[in-house]
């Protein structure tokens, strides 16, 4: 299972409502995420609107395509777009789940962490 981390920028004046929306994510949206291959999905929000997401998936692009094909995701993204700045997904014409910036993993603690793959700033 691959780990992915991404960021988006929520409009600071919409933080409370954004948080409220995520207190009760629609059951059919949650089911669609699971069925599409999203696992251990979490969102973290800083007070200035920086949103960090973490998700595990065998193939994130395939999981995104599967979600894009669902009616519930189309409805959810339409409602969520207004919460994001243009630079952070939203007003740029693409839904937030297609606009986030992936962050490269530079360290992961395991039971046997070694000097394996290193971060390459050229990526």
N, C-alpha and C. Protein backbone atom coordinates (compact mmCIF):
# COMPACT_ATOMS: atom_id res chain seq x y z
N UNK A 1 0.86 -1.18 0.00
CA UNK A 1 0.00 0.00 0.00
C UNK A 1 0.91 1.24 0.00
N UNK A 2 0.65 2.15 -0.90
CA UNK A 2 1.42 3.39 -0.99
C UNK A 2 0.80 4.48 -0.13
N UNK A 3 1.65 5.35 0.40
CA UNK A 3 1.20 6.48 1.22
C UNK A 3 1.32 7.76 0.40
N UNK A 4 0.30 8.63 0.51
CA UNK A 4 0.30 9.89 -0.21
C UNK A 4 -0.07 11.01 0.75
N UNK A 5 0.60 12.13 0.59
CA UNK A 5 0.28 13.32 1.37
C UNK A 5 0.09 14.47 0.39
N UNK A 6 -0.91 15.29 0.64
CA UNK A 6 -1.19 16.39 -0.26
C UNK A 6 -1.60 17.62 0.53
N UNK A 7 -1.57 18.77 -0.15
CA UNK A 7 -2.02 20.00 0.51
C UNK A 7 -2.94 20.78 -0.41
N UNK A 8 -3.81 21.53 0.23
CA UNK A 8 -4.75 22.46 -0.40
C UNK A 8 -4.84 23.68 0.51
N UNK A 9 -5.46 24.73 0.03
CA UNK A 9 -5.62 25.93 0.85
C UNK A 9 -7.10 26.29 0.96
N UNK A 10 -7.63 26.16 2.18
CA UNK A 10 -9.00 26.53 2.46
C UNK A 10 -9.06 28.03 2.73
N UNK A 11 -10.11 28.67 2.25
CA UNK A 11 -10.28 30.10 2.51
C UNK A 11 -10.41 30.32 4.02
N UNK A 12 -9.59 31.19 4.59
CA UNK A 12 -9.62 31.39 6.05
C UNK A 12 -10.99 31.76 6.60
N UNK A 13 -11.80 32.48 5.83
CA UNK A 13 -13.12 32.87 6.33
C UNK A 13 -14.15 31.75 6.23
N UNK A 14 -13.75 30.59 5.70
CA UNK A 14 -14.67 29.46 5.54
C UNK A 14 -14.28 28.25 6.39
N UNK A 15 -13.28 28.43 7.28
CA UNK A 15 -12.75 27.29 8.04
C UNK A 15 -13.80 26.59 8.88
N UNK A 16 -14.57 27.34 9.64
CA UNK A 16 -15.55 26.72 10.54
C UNK A 16 -16.57 25.90 9.76
N UNK A 17 -17.06 26.45 8.67
CA UNK A 17 -18.04 25.71 7.87
C UNK A 17 -17.41 24.48 7.22
N UNK A 18 -16.15 24.60 6.77
CA UNK A 18 -15.45 23.47 6.18
C UNK A 18 -15.34 22.33 7.19
N UNK A 19 -14.95 22.67 8.41
CA UNK A 19 -14.84 21.67 9.47
C UNK A 19 -16.20 21.04 9.74
N UNK A 20 -17.25 21.88 9.83
CA UNK A 20 -18.60 21.36 10.07
C UNK A 20 -19.01 20.36 8.99
N UNK A 21 -18.71 20.66 7.74
CA UNK A 21 -19.07 19.75 6.64
C UNK A 21 -18.41 18.39 6.79
N UNK A 22 -17.22 18.38 7.39
CA UNK A 22 -16.50 17.12 7.52
C UNK A 22 -16.84 16.37 8.81
N UNK A 23 -17.65 16.95 9.65
CA UNK A 23 -18.11 16.23 10.84
C UNK A 23 -19.13 15.17 10.47
N UNK A 24 -19.81 15.40 9.37
CA UNK A 24 -20.84 14.46 8.92
C UNK A 24 -20.73 14.23 7.42
N UNK A 25 -19.60 13.64 7.00
CA UNK A 25 -19.44 13.31 5.59
C UNK A 25 -20.50 12.28 5.23
N UNK A 26 -21.15 12.50 4.11
CA UNK A 26 -22.24 11.65 3.68
C UNK A 26 -21.80 10.18 3.69
N UNK A 27 -22.65 9.30 4.20
CA UNK A 27 -22.31 7.87 4.20
C UNK A 27 -22.00 7.32 2.80
N UNK A 28 -22.74 7.78 1.78
CA UNK A 28 -22.46 7.28 0.43
C UNK A 28 -21.13 7.80 -0.11
N UNK A 29 -20.69 8.98 0.36
CA UNK A 29 -19.37 9.49 -0.01
C UNK A 29 -18.28 8.64 0.65
N UNK A 30 -18.48 8.32 1.92
CA UNK A 30 -17.51 7.47 2.61
C UNK A 30 -17.41 6.10 1.95
N UNK A 31 -18.54 5.53 1.59
CA UNK A 31 -18.55 4.23 0.93
C UNK A 31 -17.85 4.30 -0.42
N UNK A 32 -18.10 5.37 -1.17
CA UNK A 32 -17.45 5.52 -2.48
C UNK A 32 -15.94 5.62 -2.33
N UNK A 33 -15.47 6.35 -1.33
CA UNK A 33 -14.02 6.45 -1.10
C UNK A 33 -13.43 5.06 -0.83
N UNK A 34 -14.07 4.33 0.07
CA UNK A 34 -13.58 2.98 0.39
C UNK A 34 -13.59 2.08 -0.85
N UNK A 35 -14.71 2.11 -1.56
CA UNK A 35 -14.86 1.25 -2.73
C UNK A 35 -13.89 1.61 -3.85
N UNK A 36 -13.45 2.87 -3.88
CA UNK A 36 -12.55 3.35 -4.93
C UNK A 36 -11.08 3.13 -4.58
N UNK A 37 -10.81 2.62 -3.38
CA UNK A 37 -9.43 2.31 -3.03
C UNK A 37 -8.73 3.30 -2.13
N UNK A 38 -9.48 4.23 -1.52
CA UNK A 38 -8.90 5.17 -0.56
C UNK A 38 -8.92 4.50 0.82
N UNK A 39 -7.76 4.47 1.48
CA UNK A 39 -7.65 3.83 2.80
C UNK A 39 -6.93 4.77 3.76
N UNK A 40 -7.28 4.66 5.03
CA UNK A 40 -6.63 5.48 6.08
C UNK A 40 -6.55 6.94 5.67
N UNK A 41 -7.65 7.46 5.19
CA UNK A 41 -7.72 8.83 4.68
C UNK A 41 -7.97 9.78 5.85
N UNK A 42 -7.11 10.78 5.99
CA UNK A 42 -7.24 11.79 7.05
C UNK A 42 -7.00 13.18 6.49
N UNK A 43 -7.66 14.16 7.08
CA UNK A 43 -7.43 15.56 6.75
C UNK A 43 -7.03 16.29 8.03
N UNK A 44 -6.08 17.21 7.89
CA UNK A 44 -5.60 18.03 9.00
C UNK A 44 -5.66 19.48 8.54
N UNK A 45 -6.15 20.36 9.40
CA UNK A 45 -6.37 21.75 9.00
C UNK A 45 -5.68 22.70 9.97
N UNK A 46 -4.83 23.56 9.42
CA UNK A 46 -4.17 24.58 10.23
C UNK A 46 -5.05 25.82 10.26
N UNK A 47 -4.88 26.65 11.28
CA UNK A 47 -5.77 27.80 11.48
C UNK A 47 -5.69 28.84 10.36
N UNK A 48 -4.65 28.82 9.55
CA UNK A 48 -4.57 29.75 8.42
C UNK A 48 -5.17 29.16 7.14
N UNK A 49 -5.73 27.95 7.24
CA UNK A 49 -6.40 27.33 6.11
C UNK A 49 -5.58 26.28 5.37
N UNK A 50 -4.33 26.08 5.77
CA UNK A 50 -3.54 25.03 5.12
C UNK A 50 -4.14 23.68 5.47
N UNK A 51 -4.54 22.95 4.46
CA UNK A 51 -5.14 21.63 4.63
C UNK A 51 -4.14 20.58 4.16
N UNK A 52 -3.84 19.64 5.04
CA UNK A 52 -2.95 18.53 4.71
C UNK A 52 -3.78 17.26 4.72
N UNK A 53 -3.68 16.51 3.65
CA UNK A 53 -4.38 15.24 3.55
C UNK A 53 -3.40 14.09 3.50
N UNK A 54 -3.80 12.97 4.06
CA UNK A 54 -3.02 11.75 4.02
C UNK A 54 -3.95 10.62 3.59
N UNK A 55 -3.48 9.83 2.66
CA UNK A 55 -4.28 8.70 2.20
C UNK A 55 -3.35 7.57 1.78
N UNK A 56 -3.82 6.38 1.94
CA UNK A 56 -3.11 5.21 1.45
C UNK A 56 -3.93 4.61 0.32
N UNK A 57 -3.24 4.19 -0.72
CA UNK A 57 -3.90 3.57 -1.87
C UNK A 57 -2.89 2.73 -2.63
N UNK A 58 -3.37 1.70 -3.28
CA UNK A 58 -2.47 0.93 -4.14
C UNK A 58 -1.98 1.82 -5.28
N UNK A 59 -2.89 2.60 -5.84
CA UNK A 59 -2.57 3.49 -6.96
C UNK A 59 -3.48 4.71 -6.83
N UNK A 60 -2.93 5.84 -6.43
CA UNK A 60 -3.74 7.03 -6.18
C UNK A 60 -4.45 7.51 -7.44
N UNK A 61 -3.77 7.50 -8.58
CA UNK A 61 -4.41 7.95 -9.81
C UNK A 61 -5.62 7.08 -10.15
N UNK A 62 -5.49 5.78 -9.96
CA UNK A 62 -6.62 4.88 -10.23
C UNK A 62 -7.75 5.14 -9.23
N UNK A 63 -7.40 5.38 -7.97
CA UNK A 63 -8.41 5.68 -6.95
C UNK A 63 -9.12 7.00 -7.27
N UNK A 64 -8.37 7.98 -7.75
CA UNK A 64 -8.98 9.25 -8.13
C UNK A 64 -9.92 9.08 -9.33
N UNK A 65 -9.49 8.31 -10.32
CA UNK A 65 -10.35 8.06 -11.49
C UNK A 65 -11.63 7.35 -11.08
N UNK A 66 -11.51 6.38 -10.19
CA UNK A 66 -12.70 5.65 -9.73
C UNK A 66 -13.65 6.59 -9.01
N UNK A 67 -13.11 7.48 -8.19
CA UNK A 67 -13.97 8.44 -7.49
C UNK A 67 -14.61 9.41 -8.47
N UNK A 68 -13.85 9.88 -9.44
CA UNK A 68 -14.37 10.84 -10.42
C UNK A 68 -15.56 10.26 -11.19
N UNK A 69 -15.62 8.95 -11.27
CA UNK A 69 -16.70 8.29 -12.01
C UNK A 69 -17.98 8.14 -11.19
N UNK A 70 -17.95 8.53 -9.91
CA UNK A 70 -19.13 8.37 -9.06
C UNK A 70 -19.96 9.65 -9.02
N UNK A 71 -21.25 9.46 -8.96
CA UNK A 71 -22.18 10.60 -8.88
C UNK A 71 -22.02 11.33 -7.55
N UNK A 72 -21.80 10.60 -6.47
CA UNK A 72 -21.69 11.24 -5.16
C UNK A 72 -20.47 12.15 -5.09
N UNK A 73 -19.37 11.74 -5.73
CA UNK A 73 -18.19 12.59 -5.73
C UNK A 73 -18.42 13.87 -6.52
N UNK A 74 -19.15 13.76 -7.61
CA UNK A 74 -19.48 14.95 -8.40
C UNK A 74 -20.25 15.95 -7.54
N UNK A 75 -21.24 15.46 -6.79
CA UNK A 75 -22.00 16.35 -5.89
C UNK A 75 -21.13 16.92 -4.79
N UNK A 76 -20.32 16.06 -4.16
CA UNK A 76 -19.47 16.51 -3.04
C UNK A 76 -18.47 17.57 -3.51
N UNK A 77 -17.79 17.31 -4.61
CA UNK A 77 -16.79 18.26 -5.11
C UNK A 77 -17.43 19.59 -5.50
N UNK A 78 -18.63 19.55 -6.05
CA UNK A 78 -19.33 20.78 -6.40
C UNK A 78 -19.59 21.64 -5.16
N UNK A 79 -19.90 20.99 -4.05
CA UNK A 79 -20.15 21.72 -2.81
C UNK A 79 -18.86 22.17 -2.14
N UNK A 80 -17.79 21.41 -2.30
CA UNK A 80 -16.54 21.73 -1.61
C UNK A 80 -15.69 22.77 -2.34
N UNK A 81 -15.85 22.90 -3.64
CA UNK A 81 -15.00 23.79 -4.43
C UNK A 81 -14.97 25.20 -3.88
N UNK A 82 -16.10 25.70 -3.42
CA UNK A 82 -16.19 27.08 -2.94
C UNK A 82 -15.35 27.35 -1.69
N UNK A 83 -14.90 26.32 -1.02
CA UNK A 83 -14.12 26.49 0.21
C UNK A 83 -12.64 26.75 -0.03
N UNK A 84 -12.17 26.53 -1.25
CA UNK A 84 -10.74 26.59 -1.53
C UNK A 84 -10.35 27.83 -2.32
N UNK A 85 -9.12 28.30 -2.08
CA UNK A 85 -8.58 29.38 -2.87
C UNK A 85 -8.23 28.83 -4.25
N UNK A 86 -8.10 29.71 -5.23
CA UNK A 86 -7.78 29.26 -6.59
C UNK A 86 -6.45 28.52 -6.61
N UNK A 87 -5.49 28.96 -5.81
CA UNK A 87 -4.18 28.30 -5.77
C UNK A 87 -4.26 26.96 -5.08
N UNK A 88 -5.29 26.75 -4.28
CA UNK A 88 -5.37 25.51 -3.51
C UNK A 88 -6.49 24.61 -3.93
N UNK A 89 -6.92 24.70 -5.15
CA UNK A 89 -8.01 23.85 -5.61
C UNK A 89 -9.33 24.56 -5.46
N UNK A 90 -10.08 24.65 -6.47
CA UNK A 90 -11.37 25.32 -6.38
C UNK A 90 -11.61 26.15 -7.61
N UNK A 91 -11.39 27.41 -7.51
CA UNK A 91 -11.74 28.34 -8.58
C UNK A 91 -10.88 28.20 -9.83
N UNK A 92 -10.02 27.21 -9.89
CA UNK A 92 -9.16 27.02 -11.06
C UNK A 92 -9.82 26.14 -12.12
N UNK A 93 -11.09 25.86 -11.97
CA UNK A 93 -11.81 25.08 -12.96
C UNK A 93 -11.76 23.58 -12.73
N UNK A 94 -10.95 23.12 -11.80
CA UNK A 94 -10.85 21.70 -11.48
C UNK A 94 -11.33 21.49 -10.06
N UNK A 95 -11.98 20.37 -9.78
CA UNK A 95 -12.43 20.12 -8.40
C UNK A 95 -11.23 19.94 -7.47
N UNK A 96 -11.44 20.19 -6.17
CA UNK A 96 -10.35 20.09 -5.21
C UNK A 96 -9.62 18.75 -5.23
N UNK A 97 -10.35 17.64 -5.44
CA UNK A 97 -9.70 16.34 -5.40
C UNK A 97 -8.82 16.07 -6.63
N UNK A 98 -8.85 16.99 -7.59
CA UNK A 98 -7.96 16.89 -8.76
C UNK A 98 -6.95 18.03 -8.78
N UNK A 99 -6.99 18.89 -7.77
CA UNK A 99 -6.14 20.09 -7.76
C UNK A 99 -5.09 20.10 -6.66
N UNK A 100 -5.10 19.09 -5.80
CA UNK A 100 -4.16 19.16 -4.70
C UNK A 100 -2.73 18.95 -5.15
N UNK A 101 -1.81 19.44 -4.32
CA UNK A 101 -0.38 19.30 -4.58
C UNK A 101 0.13 18.11 -3.76
N UNK A 102 0.66 17.11 -4.45
CA UNK A 102 1.24 15.97 -3.74
C UNK A 102 2.59 16.36 -3.16
N UNK A 103 2.85 15.90 -1.95
CA UNK A 103 4.12 16.16 -1.28
C UNK A 103 4.95 14.88 -1.29
N UNK A 104 6.24 14.99 -1.58
CA UNK A 104 7.07 13.79 -1.59
C UNK A 104 7.36 13.31 -0.17
N UNK A 105 7.32 12.01 0.00
CA UNK A 105 7.66 11.44 1.30
C UNK A 105 9.18 11.43 1.42
N UNK A 106 9.68 11.96 2.52
CA UNK A 106 11.12 11.99 2.72
C UNK A 106 11.58 11.10 3.87
N UNK A 107 10.64 10.62 4.69
CA UNK A 107 10.98 9.72 5.78
C UNK A 107 9.73 8.98 6.22
N UNK A 108 9.92 7.72 6.56
CA UNK A 108 8.84 6.91 7.12
C UNK A 108 9.45 5.96 8.13
N UNK A 109 9.02 6.02 9.36
CA UNK A 109 9.52 5.14 10.41
C UNK A 109 8.84 3.79 10.32
N UNK A 110 9.63 2.77 10.19
CA UNK A 110 9.13 1.41 10.23
C UNK A 110 9.89 0.67 11.32
N UNK A 111 9.52 -0.57 11.53
CA UNK A 111 10.22 -1.37 12.53
C UNK A 111 11.68 -1.56 12.16
N UNK A 112 11.97 -1.49 10.86
CA UNK A 112 13.35 -1.70 10.40
C UNK A 112 13.76 -0.61 9.41
N UNK A 113 13.58 0.66 9.77
CA UNK A 113 13.96 1.76 8.89
C UNK A 113 15.44 1.67 8.56
N UNK A 114 15.77 1.81 7.28
CA UNK A 114 17.16 1.79 6.84
C UNK A 114 17.41 3.00 5.95
N UNK A 115 18.60 3.12 5.48
CA UNK A 115 18.98 4.24 4.61
C UNK A 115 18.59 3.91 3.18
N UNK A 116 17.33 3.61 2.97
CA UNK A 116 16.84 3.25 1.64
C UNK A 116 16.69 4.47 0.75
N UNK A 117 15.53 4.59 0.15
CA UNK A 117 15.27 5.70 -0.76
C UNK A 117 15.47 7.04 -0.07
N UNK A 118 16.07 7.94 -0.74
CA UNK A 118 16.32 9.29 -0.24
C UNK A 118 15.48 10.29 -1.04
N UNK A 119 15.17 11.39 -0.41
CA UNK A 119 14.46 12.47 -1.06
C UNK A 119 15.32 13.06 -2.16
N UNK A 120 14.76 13.27 -3.30
CA UNK A 120 15.46 13.88 -4.42
C UNK A 120 14.76 15.19 -4.73
N UNK A 121 15.40 16.32 -4.43
CA UNK A 121 14.77 17.63 -4.60
C UNK A 121 14.53 17.97 -6.06
N UNK A 122 15.05 17.16 -6.97
CA UNK A 122 14.82 17.41 -8.40
C UNK A 122 13.45 16.94 -8.85
N UNK A 123 12.73 16.20 -8.00
CA UNK A 123 11.39 15.69 -8.37
C UNK A 123 10.39 16.80 -8.41
